[in-house]
Amino acid sequence: RRGSSEIIKGANERIDSLGNTVHGLGTA
């Protein structure tokens, strides 16, 4: 739904950023 849903599209960038933060902190 990432390309077609306005709800997910609007939140996707922030979710990706949080995902990188989560896995970065886990690796640390």
mmCIF file of all heavy atoms, coordinates in Angstrom:
data_MODEL
# 
_entry.id   MODEL 
# 
loop_
_atom_site.group_PDB 
_atom_site.id 
_atom_site.type_symbol 
_atom_site.label_atom_id 
_atom_site.label_alt_id 
_atom_site.label_comp_id 
_atom_site.label_asym_id 
_atom_site.label_entity_id 
_atom_site.label_seq_id 
_atom_site.pdbx_PDB_ins_code 
_atom_site.Cartn_x 
_atom_site.Cartn_y 
_atom_site.Cartn_z 
_atom_site.occupancy 
_atom_site.B_iso_or_equiv 
_atom_site.pdbx_formal_charge 
_atom_site.auth_seq_id 
_atom_site.auth_comp_id 
_atom_site.auth_asym_id 
_atom_site.auth_atom_id 
_atom_site.pdbx_PDB_model_num 
ATOM 1   N N   . ARG A 1 1  ? 0.817  -1.229 0.000  1.00 0.00 ? 1  ARG A N   1 
ATOM 2   C CA  . ARG A 1 1  ? 0.000  0.000  0.000  1.00 0.00 ? 1  ARG A CA  1 
ATOM 3   C C   . ARG A 1 1  ? 0.845  1.270  0.000  1.00 0.00 ? 1  ARG A C   1 
ATOM 4   O O   . ARG A 1 1  ? 0.307  2.367  -0.049 1.00 0.00 ? 1  ARG A O   1 
ATOM 5   C CB  . ARG A 1 1  ? -0.889 0.034  1.249  1.00 0.00 ? 1  ARG A CB  1 
ATOM 6   C CG  . ARG A 1 1  ? -2.286 -0.513 1.056  1.00 0.00 ? 1  ARG A CG  1 
ATOM 7   C CD  . ARG A 1 1  ? -2.317 -1.985 0.832  1.00 0.00 ? 1  ARG A CD  1 
ATOM 8   N NE  . ARG A 1 1  ? -3.667 -2.518 0.909  1.00 0.00 ? 1  ARG A NE  1 
ATOM 9   C CZ  . ARG A 1 1  ? -3.978 -3.786 0.734  1.00 0.00 ? 1  ARG A CZ  1 
ATOM 10  N NH1 . ARG A 1 1  ? -3.005 -4.670 0.479  1.00 0.00 ? 1  ARG A NH1 1 
ATOM 11  N NH2 . ARG A 1 1  ? -5.228 -4.194 0.800  1.00 0.00 ? 1  ARG A NH2 1 
ATOM 12  N N   . ARG A 1 2  ? 2.137  1.127  0.086  1.00 0.00 ? 2  ARG A N   1 
ATOM 13  C CA  . ARG A 1 2  ? 2.993  2.302  0.275  1.00 0.00 ? 2  ARG A CA  1 
ATOM 14  C C   . ARG A 1 2  ? 2.862  3.311  -0.869 1.00 0.00 ? 2  ARG A C   1 
ATOM 15  O O   . ARG A 1 2  ? 2.923  4.520  -0.646 1.00 0.00 ? 2  ARG A O   1 
ATOM 16  C CB  . ARG A 1 2  ? 4.450  1.860  0.402  1.00 0.00 ? 2  ARG A CB  1 
ATOM 17  C CG  . ARG A 1 2  ? 5.393  2.983  0.805  1.00 0.00 ? 2  ARG A CG  1 
ATOM 18  C CD  . ARG A 1 2  ? 6.789  2.469  1.018  1.00 0.00 ? 2  ARG A CD  1 
ATOM 19  N NE  . ARG A 1 2  ? 7.363  1.913  -0.210 1.00 0.00 ? 2  ARG A NE  1 
ATOM 20  C CZ  . ARG A 1 2  ? 8.626  1.502  -0.310 1.00 0.00 ? 2  ARG A CZ  1 
ATOM 21  N NH1 . ARG A 1 2  ? 9.426  1.544  0.746  1.00 0.00 ? 2  ARG A NH1 1 
ATOM 22  N NH2 . ARG A 1 2  ? 9.076  1.013  -1.446 1.00 0.00 ? 2  ARG A NH2 1 
ATOM 23  N N   . GLY A 1 3  ? 2.659  2.838  -2.077 1.00 0.00 ? 3  GLY A N   1 
ATOM 24  C CA  . GLY A 1 3  ? 2.569  3.747  -3.207 1.00 0.00 ? 3  GLY A CA  1 
ATOM 25  C C   . GLY A 1 3  ? 1.184  4.306  -3.441 1.00 0.00 ? 3  GLY A C   1 
ATOM 26  O O   . GLY A 1 3  ? 1.037  5.373  -4.046 1.00 0.00 ? 3  GLY A O   1 
ATOM 27  N N   . SER A 1 4  ? 0.140  3.602  -2.974 1.00 0.00 ? 4  SER A N   1 
ATOM 28  C CA  . SER A 1 4  ? -1.232 4.008  -3.290 1.00 0.00 ? 4  SER A CA  1 
ATOM 29  C C   . SER A 1 4  ? -1.971 4.647  -2.114 1.00 0.00 ? 4  SER A C   1 
ATOM 30  O O   . SER A 1 4  ? -2.919 5.408  -2.326 1.00 0.00 ? 4  SER A O   1 
ATOM 31  C CB  . SER A 1 4  ? -2.036 2.797  -3.772 1.00 0.00 ? 4  SER A CB  1 
ATOM 32  O OG  . SER A 1 4  ? -2.039 1.770  -2.780 1.00 0.00 ? 4  SER A OG  1 
ATOM 33  N N   . SER A 1 5  ? -1.570 4.359  -0.900 1.00 0.00 ? 5  SER A N   1 
ATOM 34  C CA  . SER A 1 5  ? -2.273 4.866  0.280  1.00 0.00 ? 5  SER A CA  1 
ATOM 35  C C   . SER A 1 5  ? -1.661 6.174  0.761  1.00 0.00 ? 5  SER A C   1 
ATOM 36  O O   . SER A 1 5  ? -0.456 6.243  1.030  1.00 0.00 ? 5  SER A O   1 
ATOM 37  C CB  . SER A 1 5  ? -2.221 3.822  1.405  1.00 0.00 ? 5  SER A CB  1 
ATOM 38  O OG  . SER A 1 5  ? -2.637 4.396  2.626  1.00 0.00 ? 5  SER A OG  1 
ATOM 39  N N   . GLU A 1 6  ? -2.490 7.203  0.886  1.00 0.00 ? 6  GLU A N   1 
ATOM 40  C CA  . GLU A 1 6  ? -2.009 8.481  1.400  1.00 0.00 ? 6  GLU A CA  1 
ATOM 41  C C   . GLU A 1 6  ? -1.640 8.366  2.874  1.00 0.00 ? 6  GLU A C   1 
ATOM 42  O O   . GLU A 1 6  ? -0.733 9.052  3.350  1.00 0.00 ? 6  GLU A O   1 
ATOM 43  C CB  . GLU A 1 6  ? -3.086 9.561  1.209  1.00 0.00 ? 6  GLU A CB  1 
ATOM 44  C CG  . GLU A 1 6  ? -3.361 9.913  -0.240 1.00 0.00 ? 6  GLU A CG  1 
ATOM 45  C CD  . GLU A 1 6  ? -2.131 10.477 -0.931 1.00 0.00 ? 6  GLU A CD  1 
ATOM 46  O OE1 . GLU A 1 6  ? -1.348 11.195 -0.272 1.00 0.00 ? 6  GLU A OE1 1 
ATOM 47  O OE2 . GLU A 1 6  ? -1.948 10.205 -2.137 1.00 0.00 ? 6  GLU A OE2 1 
ATOM 48  N N   . ILE A 1 7  ? -2.335 7.505  3.604  1.00 0.00 ? 7  ILE A N   1 
ATOM 49  C CA  . ILE A 1 7  ? -2.057 7.329  5.038  1.00 0.00 ? 7  ILE A CA  1 
ATOM 50  C C   . ILE A 1 7  ? -0.657 6.758  5.231  1.00 0.00 ? 7  ILE A C   1 
ATOM 51  O O   . ILE A 1 7  ? 0.152  7.288  5.999  1.00 0.00 ? 7  ILE A O   1 
ATOM 52  C CB  . ILE A 1 7  ? -3.116 6.415  5.688  1.00 0.00 ? 7  ILE A CB  1 
ATOM 53  C CG1 . ILE A 1 7  ? -4.496 7.071  5.633  1.00 0.00 ? 7  ILE A CG1 1 
ATOM 54  C CG2 . ILE A 1 7  ? -2.735 6.093  7.133  1.00 0.00 ? 7  ILE A CG2 1 
ATOM 55  C CD1 . ILE A 1 7  ? -5.622 6.182  6.135  1.00 0.00 ? 7  ILE A CD1 1 
ATOM 56  N N   . ILE A 1 8  ? -0.367 5.665  4.525  1.00 0.00 ? 8  ILE A N   1 
ATOM 57  C CA  . ILE A 1 8  ? 0.944  5.020  4.662  1.00 0.00 ? 8  ILE A CA  1 
ATOM 58  C C   . ILE A 1 8  ? 2.034  5.860  4.002  1.00 0.00 ? 8  ILE A C   1 
ATOM 59  O O   . ILE A 1 8  ? 3.147  5.967  4.535  1.00 0.00 ? 8  ILE A O   1 
ATOM 60  C CB  . ILE A 1 8  ? 0.900  3.600  4.062  1.00 0.00 ? 8  ILE A CB  1 
ATOM 61  C CG1 . ILE A 1 8  ? -0.005 2.715  4.935  1.00 0.00 ? 8  ILE A CG1 1 
ATOM 62  C CG2 . ILE A 1 8  ? 2.290  3.008  3.947  1.00 0.00 ? 8  ILE A CG2 1 
ATOM 63  C CD1 . ILE A 1 8  ? -0.120 1.287  4.466  1.00 0.00 ? 8  ILE A CD1 1 
ATOM 64  N N   . LYS A 1 9  ? 1.716  6.449  2.861  1.00 0.00 ? 9  LYS A N   1 
ATOM 65  C CA  . LYS A 1 9  ? 2.715  7.260  2.160  1.00 0.00 ? 9  LYS A CA  1 
ATOM 66  C C   . LYS A 1 9  ? 3.181  8.420  3.039  1.00 0.00 ? 9  LYS A C   1 
ATOM 67  O O   . LYS A 1 9  ? 4.374  8.752  3.056  1.00 0.00 ? 9  LYS A O   1 
ATOM 68  C CB  . LYS A 1 9  ? 2.123  7.793  0.862  1.00 0.00 ? 9  LYS A CB  1 
ATOM 69  C CG  . LYS A 1 9  ? 3.136  8.478  -0.043 1.00 0.00 ? 9  LYS A CG  1 
ATOM 70  C CD  . LYS A 1 9  ? 2.459  9.091  -1.266 1.00 0.00 ? 9  LYS A CD  1 
ATOM 71  C CE  . LYS A 1 9  ? 1.777  8.027  -2.102 1.00 0.00 ? 9  LYS A CE  1 
ATOM 72  N NZ  . LYS A 1 9  ? 1.143  8.606  -3.328 1.00 0.00 ? 9  LYS A NZ  1 
ATOM 73  N N   . GLY A 1 10 ? 2.251  9.041  3.769  1.00 0.00 ? 10 GLY A N   1 
ATOM 74  C CA  . GLY A 1 10 ? 2.618  10.168 4.611  1.00 0.00 ? 10 GLY A CA  1 
ATOM 75  C C   . GLY A 1 10 ? 3.476  9.771  5.796  1.00 0.00 ? 10 GLY A C   1 
ATOM 76  O O   . GLY A 1 10 ? 4.287  10.572 6.280  1.00 0.00 ? 10 GLY A O   1 
ATOM 77  N N   . ALA A 1 11 ? 3.310  8.531  6.277  1.00 0.00 ? 11 ALA A N   1 
ATOM 78  C CA  . ALA A 1 11 ? 4.057  8.087  7.458  1.00 0.00 ? 11 ALA A CA  1 
ATOM 79  C C   . ALA A 1 11 ? 5.300  7.291  7.121  1.00 0.00 ? 11 ALA A C   1 
ATOM 80  O O   . ALA A 1 11 ? 6.140  7.060  7.997  1.00 0.00 ? 11 ALA A O   1 
ATOM 81  C CB  . ALA A 1 11 ? 3.143  7.231  8.352  1.00 0.00 ? 11 ALA A CB  1 
ATOM 82  N N   . ASN A 1 12 ? 5.445  6.880  5.856  1.00 0.00 ? 12 ASN A N   1 
ATOM 83  C CA  . ASN A 1 12 ? 6.491  5.922  5.503  1.00 0.00 ? 12 ASN A CA  1 
ATOM 84  C C   . ASN A 1 12 ? 7.896  6.446  5.755  1.00 0.00 ? 12 ASN A C   1 
ATOM 85  O O   . ASN A 1 12 ? 8.767  5.712  6.253  1.00 0.00 ? 12 ASN A O   1 
ATOM 86  C CB  . ASN A 1 12 ? 6.352  5.518  4.032  1.00 0.00 ? 12 ASN A CB  1 
ATOM 87  C CG  . ASN A 1 12 ? 7.283  4.390  3.661  1.00 0.00 ? 12 ASN A CG  1 
ATOM 88  O OD1 . ASN A 1 12 ? 7.099  3.251  4.079  1.00 0.00 ? 12 ASN A OD1 1 
ATOM 89  N ND2 . ASN A 1 12 ? 8.307  4.702  2.891  1.00 0.00 ? 12 ASN A ND2 1 
ATOM 90  N N   . GLU A 1 13 ? 8.148  7.721  5.417  1.00 0.00 ? 13 GLU A N   1 
ATOM 91  C CA  . GLU A 1 13 ? 9.493  8.266  5.596  1.00 0.00 ? 13 GLU A CA  1 
ATOM 92  C C   . GLU A 1 13 ? 9.895  8.261  7.067  1.00 0.00 ? 13 GLU A C   1 
ATOM 93  O O   . GLU A 1 13 ? 11.031 7.911  7.413  1.00 0.00 ? 13 GLU A O   1 
ATOM 94  C CB  . GLU A 1 13 ? 9.574  9.682  5.033  1.00 0.00 ? 13 GLU A CB  1 
ATOM 95  C CG  . GLU A 1 13 ? 10.981 10.271 5.102  1.00 0.00 ? 13 GLU A CG  1 
ATOM 96  C CD  . GLU A 1 13 ? 11.078 11.635 4.444  1.00 0.00 ? 13 GLU A CD  1 
ATOM 97  O OE1 . GLU A 1 13 ? 10.080 12.074 3.826  1.00 0.00 ? 13 GLU A OE1 1 
ATOM 98  O OE2 . GLU A 1 13 ? 12.153 12.270 4.547  1.00 0.00 ? 13 GLU A OE2 1 
ATOM 99  N N   . ARG A 1 14 ? 8.954  8.650  7.926  1.00 0.00 ? 14 ARG A N   1 
ATOM 100 C CA  . ARG A 1 14 ? 9.246  8.656  9.361  1.00 0.00 ? 14 ARG A CA  1 
ATOM 101 C C   . ARG A 1 14 ? 9.432  7.233  9.890  1.00 0.00 ? 14 ARG A C   1 
ATOM 102 O O   . ARG A 1 14 ? 10.302 6.979  10.736 1.00 0.00 ? 14 ARG A O   1 
ATOM 103 C CB  . ARG A 1 14 ? 8.123  9.357  10.122 1.00 0.00 ? 14 ARG A CB  1 
ATOM 104 C CG  . ARG A 1 14 ? 8.331  9.442  11.625 1.00 0.00 ? 14 ARG A CG  1 
ATOM 105 C CD  . ARG A 1 14 ? 9.654  10.081 11.951 1.00 0.00 ? 14 ARG A CD  1 
ATOM 106 N NE  . ARG A 1 14 ? 9.883  10.173 13.391 1.00 0.00 ? 14 ARG A NE  1 
ATOM 107 C CZ  . ARG A 1 14 ? 11.068 10.349 13.937 1.00 0.00 ? 14 ARG A CZ  1 
ATOM 108 N NH1 . ARG A 1 14 ? 12.152 10.443 13.175 1.00 0.00 ? 14 ARG A NH1 1 
ATOM 109 N NH2 . ARG A 1 14 ? 11.197 10.431 15.241 1.00 0.00 ? 14 ARG A NH2 1 
ATOM 110 N N   . ILE A 1 15 ? 8.648  6.299  9.400  1.00 0.00 ? 15 ILE A N   1 
ATOM 111 C CA  . ILE A 1 15 ? 8.775  4.904  9.817  1.00 0.00 ? 15 ILE A CA  1 
ATOM 112 C C   . ILE A 1 15 ? 10.125 4.342  9.392  1.00 0.00 ? 15 ILE A C   1 
ATOM 113 O O   . ILE A 1 15 ? 10.796 3.637  10.163 1.00 0.00 ? 15 ILE A O   1 
ATOM 114 C CB  . ILE A 1 15 ? 7.632  4.052  9.235  1.00 0.00 ? 15 ILE A CB  1 
ATOM 115 C CG1 . ILE A 1 15 ? 6.284  4.465  9.842  1.00 0.00 ? 15 ILE A CG1 1 
ATOM 116 C CG2 . ILE A 1 15 ? 7.890  2.568  9.476  1.00 0.00 ? 15 ILE A CG2 1 
ATOM 117 C CD1 . ILE A 1 15 ? 6.179  4.246  11.336 1.00 0.00 ? 15 ILE A CD1 1 
ATOM 118 N N   . ASP A 1 16 ? 10.546 4.644  8.162  1.00 0.00 ? 16 ASP A N   1 
ATOM 119 C CA  . ASP A 1 16 ? 11.862 4.189  7.695  1.00 0.00 ? 16 ASP A CA  1 
ATOM 120 C C   . ASP A 1 16 ? 12.972 4.756  8.571  1.00 0.00 ? 16 ASP A C   1 
ATOM 121 O O   . ASP A 1 16 ? 13.936 4.055  8.910  1.00 0.00 ? 16 ASP A O   1 
ATOM 122 C CB  . ASP A 1 16 ? 12.080 4.608  6.243  1.00 0.00 ? 16 ASP A CB  1 
ATOM 123 C CG  . ASP A 1 16 ? 11.410 3.673  5.256  1.00 0.00 ? 16 ASP A CG  1 
ATOM 124 O OD1 . ASP A 1 16 ? 10.949 2.599  5.690  1.00 0.00 ? 16 ASP A OD1 1 
ATOM 125 O OD2 . ASP A 1 16 ? 11.322 4.011  4.065  1.00 0.00 ? 16 ASP A OD2 1 
ATOM 126 N N   . SER A 1 17 ? 12.852 6.038  8.913  1.00 0.00 ? 17 SER A N   1 
ATOM 127 C CA  . SER A 1 17 ? 13.858 6.676  9.765  1.00 0.00 ? 17 SER A CA  1 
ATOM 128 C C   . SER A 1 17 ? 13.900 6.018  11.141 1.00 0.00 ? 17 SER A C   1 
ATOM 129 O O   . SER A 1 17 ? 14.981 5.736  11.676 1.00 0.00 ? 17 SER A O   1 
ATOM 130 C CB  . SER A 1 17 ? 13.543 8.172  9.902  1.00 0.00 ? 17 SER A CB  1 
ATOM 131 O OG  . SER A 1 17 ? 14.442 8.804  10.789 1.00 0.00 ? 17 SER A OG  1 
ATOM 132 N N   . LEU A 1 18 ? 12.724 5.751  11.715 1.00 0.00 ? 18 LEU A N   1 
ATOM 133 C CA  . LEU A 1 18 ? 12.668 5.088  13.016 1.00 0.00 ? 18 LEU A CA  1 
ATOM 134 C C   . LEU A 1 18 ? 13.214 3.664  12.931 1.00 0.00 ? 18 LEU A C   1 
ATOM 135 O O   . LEU A 1 18 ? 13.883 3.192  13.859 1.00 0.00 ? 18 LEU A O   1 
ATOM 136 C CB  . LEU A 1 18 ? 11.228 5.048  13.537 1.00 0.00 ? 18 LEU A CB  1 
ATOM 137 C CG  . LEU A 1 18 ? 10.709 6.304  14.237 1.00 0.00 ? 18 LEU A CG  1 
ATOM 138 C CD1 . LEU A 1 18 ? 9.237  6.142  14.587 1.00 0.00 ? 18 LEU A CD1 1 
ATOM 139 C CD2 . LEU A 1 18 ? 11.520 6.593  15.498 1.00 0.00 ? 18 LEU A CD2 1 
ATOM 140 N N   . GLY A 1 19 ? 12.928 2.982  11.815 1.00 0.00 ? 19 GLY A N   1 
ATOM 141 C CA  . GLY A 1 19 ? 13.446 1.629  11.642 1.00 0.00 ? 19 GLY A CA  1 
ATOM 142 C C   . GLY A 1 19 ? 14.961 1.605  11.626 1.00 0.00 ? 19 GLY A C   1 
ATOM 143 O O   . GLY A 1 19 ? 15.590 0.747  12.260 1.00 0.00 ? 19 GLY A O   1 
ATOM 144 N N   . ASN A 1 20 ? 15.563 2.549  10.917 1.00 0.00 ? 20 ASN A N   1 
ATOM 145 C CA  . ASN A 1 20 ? 17.023 2.636  10.905 1.00 0.00 ? 20 ASN A CA  1 
ATOM 146 C C   . ASN A 1 20 ? 17.565 2.956  12.291 1.00 0.00 ? 20 ASN A C   1 
ATOM 147 O O   . ASN A 1 20 ? 18.611 2.440  12.697 1.00 0.00 ? 20 ASN A O   1 
ATOM 148 C CB  . ASN A 1 20 ? 17.478 3.699  9.904  1.00 0.00 ? 20 ASN A CB  1 
ATOM 149 C CG  . ASN A 1 20 ? 17.302 3.263  8.466  1.00 0.00 ? 20 ASN A CG  1 
ATOM 150 O OD1 . ASN A 1 20 ? 17.498 2.100  8.135  1.00 0.00 ? 20 ASN A OD1 1 
ATOM 151 N ND2 . ASN A 1 20 ? 16.912 4.182  7.604  1.00 0.00 ? 20 ASN A ND2 1 
ATOM 152 N N   . THR A 1 21 ? 16.843 3.811  13.019 1.00 0.00 ? 21 THR A N   1 
ATOM 153 C CA  . THR A 1 21 ? 17.263 4.145  14.385 1.00 0.00 ? 21 THR A CA  1 
ATOM 154 C C   . THR A 1 21 ? 17.192 2.932  15.293 1.00 0.00 ? 21 THR A C   1 
ATOM 155 O O   . THR A 1 21 ? 18.108 2.670  16.079 1.00 0.00 ? 21 THR A O   1 
ATOM 156 C CB  . THR A 1 21 ? 16.381 5.276  14.957 1.00 0.00 ? 21 THR A CB  1 
ATOM 157 O OG1 . THR A 1 21 ? 16.476 6.429  14.120 1.00 0.00 ? 21 THR A OG1 1 
ATOM 158 C CG2 . THR A 1 21 ? 16.827 5.645  16.361 1.00 0.00 ? 21 THR A CG2 1 
ATOM 159 N N   . VAL A 1 22 ? 16.105 2.169  15.182 1.00 0.00 ? 22 VAL A N   1 
ATOM 160 C CA  . VAL A 1 22 ? 15.934 0.969  16.009 1.00 0.00 ? 22 VAL A CA  1 
ATOM 161 C C   . VAL A 1 22 ? 17.070 -0.016 15.764 1.00 0.00 ? 22 VAL A C   1 
ATOM 162 O O   . VAL A 1 22 ? 17.719 -0.492 16.711 1.00 0.00 ? 22 VAL A O   1 
ATOM 163 C CB  . VAL A 1 22 ? 14.579 0.296  15.704 1.00 0.00 ? 22 VAL A CB  1 
ATOM 164 C CG1 . VAL A 1 22 ? 14.526 -1.113 16.297 1.00 0.00 ? 22 VAL A CG1 1 
ATOM 165 C CG2 . VAL A 1 22 ? 13.442 1.127  16.275 1.00 0.00 ? 22 VAL A CG2 1 
ATOM 166 N N   . HIS A 1 23 ? 17.328 -0.322 14.501 1.00 0.00 ? 23 HIS A N   1 
ATOM 167 C CA  . HIS A 1 23 ? 18.350 -1.319 14.198 1.00 0.00 ? 23 HIS A CA  1 
ATOM 168 C C   . HIS A 1 23 ? 19.755 -0.780 14.462 1.00 0.00 ? 23 HIS A C   1 
ATOM 169 O O   . HIS A 1 23 ? 20.658 -1.546 14.828 1.00 0.00 ? 23 HIS A O   1 
ATOM 170 C CB  . HIS A 1 23 ? 18.206 -1.788 12.754 1.00 0.00 ? 23 HIS A CB  1 
ATOM 171 C CG  . HIS A 1 23 ? 16.908 -2.483 12.492 1.00 0.00 ? 23 HIS A CG  1 
ATOM 172 N ND1 . HIS A 1 23 ? 16.455 -3.540 13.267 1.00 0.00 ? 23 HIS A ND1 1 
ATOM 173 C CD2 . HIS A 1 23 ? 15.937 -2.277 11.554 1.00 0.00 ? 23 HIS A CD2 1 
ATOM 174 C CE1 . HIS A 1 23 ? 15.283 -3.945 12.825 1.00 0.00 ? 23 HIS A CE1 1 
ATOM 175 N NE2 . HIS A 1 23 ? 14.943 -3.200 11.784 1.00 0.00 ? 23 HIS A NE2 1 
ATOM 176 N N   . GLY A 1 24 ? 19.942 0.520  14.297 1.00 0.00 ? 24 GLY A N   1 
ATOM 177 C CA  . GLY A 1 24 ? 21.233 1.111  14.643 1.00 0.00 ? 24 GLY A CA  1 
ATOM 178 C C   . GLY A 1 24 ? 21.504 1.030  16.135 1.00 0.00 ? 24 GLY A C   1 
ATOM 179 O O   . GLY A 1 24 ? 22.612 0.672  16.560 1.00 0.00 ? 24 GLY A O   1 
ATOM 180 N N   . LEU A 1 25 ? 20.483 1.334  16.941 1.00 0.00 ? 25 LEU A N   1 
ATOM 181 C CA  . LEU A 1 25 ? 20.646 1.240  18.396 1.00 0.00 ? 25 LEU A CA  1 
ATOM 182 C C   . LEU A 1 25 ? 20.831 -0.211 18.834 1.00 0.00 ? 25 LEU A C   1 
ATOM 183 O O   . LEU A 1 25 ? 21.592 -0.503 19.758 1.00 0.00 ? 25 LEU A O   1 
ATOM 184 C CB  . LEU A 1 25 ? 19.433 1.848  19.099 1.00 0.00 ? 25 LEU A CB  1 
ATOM 185 C CG  . LEU A 1 25 ? 19.302 3.372  19.028 1.00 0.00 ? 25 LEU A CG  1 
ATOM 186 C CD1 . LEU A 1 25 ? 17.993 3.823  19.674 1.00 0.00 ? 25 LEU A CD1 1 
ATOM 187 C CD2 . LEU A 1 25 ? 20.480 4.048  19.720 1.00 0.00 ? 25 LEU A CD2 1 
ATOM 188 N N   . GLY A 1 26 ? 20.122 -1.131 18.173 1.00 0.00 ? 26 GLY A N   1 
ATOM 189 C CA  . GLY A 1 26 ? 20.299 -2.542 18.495 1.00 0.00 ? 26 GLY A CA  1 
ATOM 190 C C   . GLY A 1 26 ? 21.701 -3.023 18.185 1.00 0.00 ? 26 GLY A C   1 
ATOM 191 O O   . GLY A 1 26 ? 22.302 -3.770 18.972 1.00 0.00 ? 26 GLY A O   1 
ATOM 192 N N   . THR A 1 27 ? 22.236 -2.592 17.051 1.00 0.00 ? 27 THR A N   1 
ATOM 193 C CA  . THR A 1 27 ? 23.612 -2.947 16.692 1.00 0.00 ? 27 THR A CA  1 
ATOM 194 C C   . THR A 1 27 ? 24.596 -2.345 17.682 1.00 0.00 ? 27 THR A C   1 
ATOM 195 O O   . THR A 1 27 ? 25.584 -2.989 18.071 1.00 0.00 ? 27 THR A O   1 
ATOM 196 C CB  . THR A 1 27 ? 23.925 -2.462 15.271 1.00 0.00 ? 27 THR A CB  1 
ATOM 197 O OG1 . THR A 1 27 ? 22.961 -3.015 14.362 1.00 0.00 ? 27 THR A OG1 1 
ATOM 198 C CG2 . THR A 1 27 ? 25.315 -2.897 14.841 1.00 0.00 ? 27 THR A CG2 1 
ATOM 199 N N   . ALA A 1 28 ? 24.347 -1.100 18.109 1.00 0.00 ? 28 ALA A N   1 
ATOM 200 C CA  . ALA A 1 28 ? 25.209 -0.464 19.112 1.00 0.00 ? 28 ALA A CA  1 
ATOM 201 C C   . ALA A 1 28 ? 25.155 -1.217 20.438 1.00 0.00 ? 28 ALA A C   1 
ATOM 202 O O   . ALA A 1 28 ? 26.161 -1.307 21.152 1.00 0.00 ? 28 ALA A O   1 
ATOM 203 C CB  . ALA A 1 28 ? 24.796 0.993  19.307 1.00 0.00 ? 28 ALA A CB  1 
# 
